[in-house]
């Protein structure tokens, strides 16, 4: 059985993000990871209702957990999923996207995936065609 970890992570994460947006009109950072059997698991940041962290603090905590587990071999892949405003054309307004930064053991140099969306005045959400951007070489 040939498992494509990045596709499993994309499918799971996109479905969850769409559910969040369709249900609430809002989106907050979360992650998903794959175990050694190739099963995907959601990962959310537990928050104290009295001390709500901002999105960057949530993303930092998710990144730290996923990176440590990946490096130690506890998980085989992970997707960090967050909202990103992207400018596609100079001088044009940015668009909101569901952004996925994916790391897996079976593929290297994965691009960063973007799934554009727009929350309409009536609260419905319109989704546009996804695209990916190759990472800059450091």
C-alpha atoms as a PDB file:
ATOM      1  CA  UNK A   1       0.000   0.000   0.000  1.00  0.00           C
ATOM      2  CA  UNK A   2       1.505   3.302  -1.128  1.00  0.00           C
ATOM      3  CA  UNK A   3       0.473   6.147   1.171  1.00  0.00           C
ATOM      4  CA  UNK A   4       0.991   9.763   0.117  1.00  0.00           C
ATOM      5  CA  UNK A   5       1.324  11.482   3.483  1.00  0.00           C
ATOM      6  CA  UNK A   6       1.105  15.009   2.118  1.00  0.00           C
ATOM      7  CA  UNK A   7      -2.167  14.286   0.300  1.00  0.00           C
ATOM      8  CA  UNK A   8      -3.680  12.698   3.405  1.00  0.00           C
ATOM      9  CA  UNK A   9      -2.711  15.785   5.418  1.00  0.00           C
ATOM     10  CA  UNK A  10      -4.048  18.169   2.753  1.00  0.00           C
ATOM     11  CA  UNK A  11      -7.382  16.355   2.474  1.00  0.00           C
ATOM     12  CA  UNK A  12      -7.928  16.188   6.229  1.00  0.00           C
ATOM     13  CA  UNK A  13      -6.812  19.755   6.906  1.00  0.00           C
ATOM     14  CA  UNK A  14      -8.785  21.295   4.060  1.00  0.00           C
ATOM     15  CA  UNK A  15     -11.976  19.513   5.125  1.00  0.00           C
ATOM     16  CA  UNK A  16     -11.528  20.676   8.720  1.00  0.00           C
ATOM     17  CA  UNK A  17     -10.741  24.276   7.715  1.00  0.00           C
ATOM     18  CA  UNK A  18     -13.795  24.416   5.429  1.00  0.00           C
ATOM     19  CA  UNK A  19     -15.981  23.060   8.239  1.00  0.00           C
ATOM     20  CA  UNK A  20     -14.650  25.787  10.553  1.00  0.00           C
ATOM     21  CA  UNK A  21     -15.253  28.550   8.025  1.00  0.00           C
ATOM     22  CA  UNK A  22     -18.666  27.296   6.941  1.00  0.00           C
ATOM     23  CA  UNK A  23     -19.834  26.857  10.556  1.00  0.00           C
ATOM     24  CA  UNK A  24     -18.368  29.985  12.139  1.00  0.00           C
ATOM     25  CA  UNK A  25     -17.082  32.297   9.392  1.00  0.00           C
ATOM     26  CA  UNK A  26     -13.802  32.293  11.299  1.00  0.00           C
ATOM     27  CA  UNK A  27     -10.578  30.386  11.099  1.00  0.00           C
ATOM     28  CA  UNK A  28      -7.874  29.763  13.683  1.00  0.00           C
ATOM     29  CA  UNK A  29      -4.540  27.920  13.454  1.00  0.00           C
ATOM     30  CA  UNK A  30      -4.491  24.164  13.895  1.00  0.00           C
ATOM     31  CA  UNK A  31      -2.360  21.227  12.833  1.00  0.00           C
ATOM     32  CA  UNK A  32      -2.723  17.642  11.732  1.00  0.00           C
ATOM     33  CA  UNK A  33      -0.187  14.852  11.933  1.00  0.00           C
ATOM     34  CA  UNK A  34       0.282  11.329  10.632  1.00  0.00           C
ATOM     35  CA  UNK A  35       1.330   8.437  12.803  1.00  0.00           C
ATOM     36  CA  UNK A  36       3.533   5.518  11.783  1.00  0.00           C
ATOM     37  CA  UNK A  37       0.495   3.635  10.416  1.00  0.00           C
ATOM     38  CA  UNK A  38      -0.334   6.552   8.097  1.00  0.00           C
ATOM     39  CA  UNK A  39      -3.416   7.600  10.071  1.00  0.00           C
ATOM     40  CA  UNK A  40      -4.100  11.323  10.323  1.00  0.00           C
ATOM     41  CA  UNK A  41      -4.924  13.013  13.625  1.00  0.00           C
ATOM     42  CA  UNK A  42      -6.086  16.576  14.298  1.00  0.00           C
ATOM     43  CA  UNK A  43      -4.103  18.763  16.665  1.00  0.00           C
ATOM     44  CA  UNK A  44      -5.473  21.886  18.252  1.00  0.00           C
ATOM     45  CA  UNK A  45      -4.005  24.167  20.851  1.00  0.00           C
ATOM     46  CA  UNK A  46      -5.730  23.910  24.221  1.00  0.00           C
ATOM     47  CA  UNK A  47      -6.564  27.413  25.411  1.00  0.00           C
ATOM     48  CA  UNK A  48      -7.419  28.873  28.762  1.00  0.00           C
ATOM     49  CA  UNK A  49     -10.575  30.936  28.208  1.00  0.00           C
ATOM     50  CA  UNK A  50      -9.229  33.542  30.646  1.00  0.00           C
ATOM     51  CA  UNK A  51      -5.928  33.966  28.781  1.00  0.00           C
ATOM     52  CA  UNK A  52      -6.640  33.669  25.061  1.00  0.00           C
ATOM     53  CA  UNK A  53      -3.387  33.475  23.070  1.00  0.00           C
ATOM     54  CA  UNK A  54      -3.105  35.275  19.754  1.00  0.00           C
ATOM     55  CA  UNK A  55      -2.826  33.326  16.497  1.00  0.00           C
ATOM     56  CA  UNK A  56       0.961  33.630  16.318  1.00  0.00           C
ATOM     57  CA  UNK A  57       1.333  32.179  19.830  1.00  0.00           C
ATOM     58  CA  UNK A  58      -0.933  29.262  18.892  1.00  0.00           C
ATOM     59  CA  UNK A  59       1.028  28.656  15.682  1.00  0.00           C
ATOM     60  CA  UNK A  60       4.351  28.791  17.565  1.00  0.00           C
ATOM     61  CA  UNK A  61       3.133  26.190  20.064  1.00  0.00           C
ATOM     62  CA  UNK A  62       1.794  23.897  17.313  1.00  0.00           C
ATOM     63  CA  UNK A  63       5.038  24.276  15.344  1.00  0.00           C
ATOM     64  CA  UNK A  64       7.164  23.448  18.377  1.00  0.00           C
ATOM     65  CA  UNK A  65       5.160  20.316  19.234  1.00  0.00           C
ATOM     66  CA  UNK A  66       5.052  19.031  15.644  1.00  0.00           C
ATOM     67  CA  UNK A  67       8.726  19.736  14.959  1.00  0.00           C
ATOM     68  CA  UNK A  68       9.865  17.989  18.137  1.00  0.00           C
ATOM     69  CA  UNK A  69       7.666  14.936  17.517  1.00  0.00           C
ATOM     70  CA  UNK A  70       8.782  14.738  13.868  1.00  0.00           C
ATOM     71  CA  UNK A  71      12.491  14.990  14.734  1.00  0.00           C
ATOM     72  CA  UNK A  72      12.146  12.297  17.421  1.00  0.00           C
ATOM     73  CA  UNK A  73      10.348   9.949  15.002  1.00  0.00           C
ATOM     74  CA  UNK A  74       7.061  10.008  16.890  1.00  0.00           C
ATOM     75  CA  UNK A  75       5.125  11.201  13.838  1.00  0.00           C
ATOM     76  CA  UNK A  76       5.725  10.756  10.111  1.00  0.00           C
ATOM     77  CA  UNK A  77       4.356  14.065   8.912  1.00  0.00           C
ATOM     78  CA  UNK A  78       2.482  17.180   9.883  1.00  0.00           C
ATOM     79  CA  UNK A  79       0.589  20.102   8.438  1.00  0.00           C
ATOM     80  CA  UNK A  80       0.519  23.516  10.064  1.00  0.00           C
ATOM     81  CA  UNK A  81      -2.681  25.212   8.944  1.00  0.00           C
ATOM     82  CA  UNK A  82      -3.316  28.918   9.354  1.00  0.00           C
ATOM     83  CA  UNK A  83      -4.856  31.937   7.696  1.00  0.00           C
ATOM     84  CA  UNK A  84      -2.596  33.964   5.412  1.00  0.00           C
ATOM     85  CA  UNK A  85      -3.339  37.126   3.470  1.00  0.00           C
ATOM     86  CA  UNK A  86      -1.660  36.819   0.068  1.00  0.00           C
ATOM     87  CA  UNK A  87      -1.083  39.490  -2.562  1.00  0.00           C
ATOM     88  CA  UNK A  88      -1.132  37.857  -5.979  1.00  0.00           C
ATOM     89  CA  UNK A  89      -0.569  40.979  -8.047  1.00  0.00           C
ATOM     90  CA  UNK A  90       1.251  44.173  -7.137  1.00  0.00           C
ATOM     91  CA  UNK A  91      -1.153  47.008  -6.412  1.00  0.00           C
ATOM     92  CA  UNK A  92      -4.111  44.647  -5.918  1.00  0.00           C
ATOM     93  CA  UNK A  93      -5.718  43.897  -2.553  1.00  0.00           C
ATOM     94  CA  UNK A  94      -4.645  40.754  -0.722  1.00  0.00           C
ATOM     95  CA  UNK A  95      -6.832  37.669  -0.562  1.00  0.00           C
ATOM     96  CA  UNK A  96      -7.527  35.456   2.449  1.00  0.00           C
ATOM     97  CA  UNK A  97      -6.250  31.913   2.204  1.00  0.00           C
ATOM     98  CA  UNK A  98      -6.101  28.709   4.168  1.00  0.00           C
ATOM     99  CA  UNK A  99      -2.349  28.118   4.195  1.00  0.00           C
ATOM    100  CA  UNK A 100      -0.776  24.689   4.711  1.00  0.00           C
ATOM    101  CA  UNK A 101       2.874  24.194   5.506  1.00  0.00           C
ATOM    102  CA  UNK A 102       3.528  20.453   5.291  1.00  0.00           C
ATOM    103  CA  UNK A 103       6.491  18.319   6.332  1.00  0.00           C
ATOM    104  CA  UNK A 104       6.626  14.548   5.741  1.00  0.00           C
ATOM    105  CA  UNK A 105       9.144  11.727   5.853  1.00  0.00           C
ATOM    106  CA  UNK A 106       8.256  10.541   2.332  1.00  0.00           C
ATOM    107  CA  UNK A 107       8.702  13.834   0.439  1.00  0.00           C
ATOM    108  CA  UNK A 108      11.110  16.721   0.731  1.00  0.00           C
ATOM    109  CA  UNK A 109      10.871  20.291  -0.494  1.00  0.00           C
ATOM    110  CA  UNK A 110       7.076  20.365  -0.527  1.00  0.00           C
ATOM    111  CA  UNK A 111       5.611  23.699  -1.625  1.00  0.00           C
ATOM    112  CA  UNK A 112       3.404  25.798   0.625  1.00  0.00           C
ATOM    113  CA  UNK A 113      -0.250  25.296  -0.302  1.00  0.00           C
ATOM    114  CA  UNK A 114      -2.850  28.074  -0.421  1.00  0.00           C
ATOM    115  CA  UNK A 115      -6.625  27.695  -0.644  1.00  0.00           C
ATOM    116  CA  UNK A 116      -8.275  31.099  -1.264  1.00  0.00           C
ATOM    117  CA  UNK A 117     -11.636  31.907   0.289  1.00  0.00           C
ATOM    118  CA  UNK A 118     -13.919  34.877   0.825  1.00  0.00           C
ATOM    119  CA  UNK A 119     -16.509  35.336   3.567  1.00  0.00           C
ATOM    120  CA  UNK A 120     -19.487  36.973   1.859  1.00  0.00           C
ATOM    121  CA  UNK A 121     -21.724  39.638   3.384  1.00  0.00           C
ATOM    122  CA  UNK A 122     -24.426  37.036   4.043  1.00  0.00           C
ATOM    123  CA  UNK A 123     -21.958  34.868   6.019  1.00  0.00           C
ATOM    124  CA  UNK A 124     -21.520  32.216   3.340  1.00  0.00           C
ATOM    125  CA  UNK A 125     -18.013  31.334   2.214  1.00  0.00           C
ATOM    126  CA  UNK A 126     -16.821  31.160  -1.390  1.00  0.00           C
ATOM    127  CA  UNK A 127     -13.746  29.045  -2.160  1.00  0.00           C
ATOM    128  CA  UNK A 128     -11.429  29.588  -5.124  1.00  0.00           C
ATOM    129  CA  UNK A 129      -8.870  27.453  -6.916  1.00  0.00           C
ATOM    130  CA  UNK A 130      -5.919  26.339  -4.821  1.00  0.00           C
ATOM    131  CA  UNK A 131      -2.315  27.072  -5.684  1.00  0.00           C
ATOM    132  CA  UNK A 132       1.133  26.216  -4.322  1.00  0.00           C
ATOM    133  CA  UNK A 133       4.316  28.219  -4.009  1.00  0.00           C
ATOM    134  CA  UNK A 134       7.756  26.644  -4.109  1.00  0.00           C
ATOM    135  CA  UNK A 135       9.806  27.495  -1.045  1.00  0.00           C
ATOM    136  CA  UNK A 136      12.707  29.905  -1.365  1.00  0.00           C
ATOM    137  CA  UNK A 137      16.104  28.318  -1.032  1.00  0.00           C
ATOM    138  CA  UNK A 138      17.767  29.572   2.154  1.00  0.00           C
END
